[in-house]
Amino acid sequence: MKEDGSDPRANLEYVRDMIEQLKVVSGVEKGAILLYFLDMAKLETEAWIARLDQAAEGPPA
């Protein structure tokens, strides 16, 4: 991850990976609401990554 934050995709990938680590270190049981919220945050991050990828590809021909 760049320190100056100039690579949004790399930053989002970092956030996605850290969310997964938070799930591990939280130690909460499967089915806990915290895991649900972390999963939702991860899905939202992945959606942002997908939007960045689509924008980089340009409009459909």
C-alpha atoms as a PDB file:
ATOM      1  CA  MET A   1       0.000   0.000   0.000  1.00  0.00           C
ATOM      2  CA  LYS A   2       1.360   3.385  -0.954  1.00  0.00           C
ATOM      3  CA  GLU A   3       1.803   5.817   1.903  1.00  0.00           C
ATOM      4  CA  ASP A   4       0.352   8.738  -0.063  1.00  0.00           C
ATOM      5  CA  GLY A   5      -2.889   6.881  -0.846  1.00  0.00           C
ATOM      6  CA  SER A   6      -2.528   7.425  -4.589  1.00  0.00           C
ATOM      7  CA  ASP A   7      -3.565   3.880  -5.563  1.00  0.00           C
ATOM      8  CA  PRO A   8      -7.242   3.442  -4.631  1.00  0.00           C
ATOM      9  CA  ARG A   9      -7.393  -0.182  -5.781  1.00  0.00           C
ATOM     10  CA  ALA A  10      -4.386  -1.171  -3.681  1.00  0.00           C
ATOM     11  CA  ASN A  11      -5.859   0.662  -0.706  1.00  0.00           C
ATOM     12  CA  LEU A  12      -9.169  -1.172  -1.088  1.00  0.00           C
ATOM     13  CA  GLU A  13      -7.389  -4.505  -1.419  1.00  0.00           C
ATOM     14  CA  TYR A  14      -5.567  -3.721   1.815  1.00  0.00           C
ATOM     15  CA  VAL A  15      -8.842  -2.871   3.560  1.00  0.00           C
ATOM     16  CA  ARG A  16     -10.425  -6.096   2.262  1.00  0.00           C
ATOM     17  CA  ASP A  17      -7.512  -8.148   3.568  1.00  0.00           C
ATOM     18  CA  MET A  18      -7.552  -6.413   6.951  1.00  0.00           C
ATOM     19  CA  ILE A  19     -11.282  -7.050   7.319  1.00  0.00           C
ATOM     20  CA  GLU A  20     -10.582 -10.756   6.899  1.00  0.00           C
ATOM     21  CA  GLN A  21      -7.854 -10.519   9.551  1.00  0.00           C
ATOM     22  CA  LEU A  22     -10.264  -8.736  11.904  1.00  0.00           C
ATOM     23  CA  LYS A  23     -12.633 -11.675  11.586  1.00  0.00           C
ATOM     24  CA  VAL A  24      -9.840 -14.006  12.672  1.00  0.00           C
ATOM     25  CA  VAL A  25      -8.495 -11.963  15.584  1.00  0.00           C
ATOM     26  CA  SER A  26     -11.956 -11.037  16.905  1.00  0.00           C
ATOM     27  CA  GLY A  27     -12.396 -14.585  18.131  1.00  0.00           C
ATOM     28  CA  VAL A  28     -16.179 -14.346  17.964  1.00  0.00           C
ATOM     29  CA  GLU A  29     -18.315 -17.384  17.255  1.00  0.00           C
ATOM     30  CA  LYS A  30     -19.719 -18.157  13.837  1.00  0.00           C
ATOM     31  CA  GLY A  31     -23.080 -16.458  13.431  1.00  0.00           C
ATOM     32  CA  ALA A  32     -22.173 -13.462  15.595  1.00  0.00           C
ATOM     33  CA  ILE A  33     -23.470 -10.113  14.394  1.00  0.00           C
ATOM     34  CA  LEU A  34     -19.902  -8.758  14.322  1.00  0.00           C
ATOM     35  CA  LEU A  35     -18.956 -11.332  11.687  1.00  0.00           C
ATOM     36  CA  TYR A  36     -22.036 -10.343   9.695  1.00  0.00           C
ATOM     37  CA  PHE A  37     -20.989  -6.691   9.703  1.00  0.00           C
ATOM     38  CA  LEU A  38     -17.416  -7.563   8.768  1.00  0.00           C
ATOM     39  CA  ASP A  39     -18.689  -9.744   5.912  1.00  0.00           C
ATOM     40  CA  MET A  40     -20.876  -6.870   4.702  1.00  0.00           C
ATOM     41  CA  ALA A  41     -17.898  -4.500   4.837  1.00  0.00           C
ATOM     42  CA  LYS A  42     -15.811  -6.983   2.861  1.00  0.00           C
ATOM     43  CA  LEU A  43     -18.535  -7.340   0.218  1.00  0.00           C
ATOM     44  CA  GLU A  44     -18.822  -3.565  -0.064  1.00  0.00           C
ATOM     45  CA  THR A  45     -15.056  -3.274  -0.482  1.00  0.00           C
ATOM     46  CA  GLU A  46     -15.082  -5.948  -3.187  1.00  0.00           C
ATOM     47  CA  ALA A  47     -17.889  -4.076  -4.965  1.00  0.00           C
ATOM     48  CA  TRP A  48     -15.785  -0.891  -4.948  1.00  0.00           C
ATOM     49  CA  ILE A  49     -12.836  -2.826  -6.381  1.00  0.00           C
ATOM     50  CA  ALA A  50     -15.079  -4.193  -9.140  1.00  0.00           C
ATOM     51  CA  ARG A  51     -16.321  -0.673  -9.954  1.00  0.00           C
ATOM     52  CA  LEU A  52     -12.746   0.588 -10.188  1.00  0.00           C
ATOM     53  CA  ASP A  53     -11.869  -2.292 -12.511  1.00  0.00           C
ATOM     54  CA  GLN A  54     -14.878  -1.550 -14.733  1.00  0.00           C
ATOM     55  CA  ALA A  55     -14.004   2.140 -14.873  1.00  0.00           C
ATOM     56  CA  ALA A  56     -10.421   1.285 -15.831  1.00  0.00           C
ATOM     57  CA  GLU A  57     -11.654  -0.878 -18.701  1.00  0.00           C
ATOM     58  CA  GLY A  58     -13.714   1.971 -20.089  1.00  0.00           C
ATOM     59  CA  PRO A  59     -17.256   1.939 -21.424  1.00  0.00           C
ATOM     60  CA  PRO A  60     -18.496  -1.153 -23.260  1.00  0.00           C
ATOM     61  CA  ALA A  61     -18.006  -1.054 -27.019  1.00  0.00           C
END
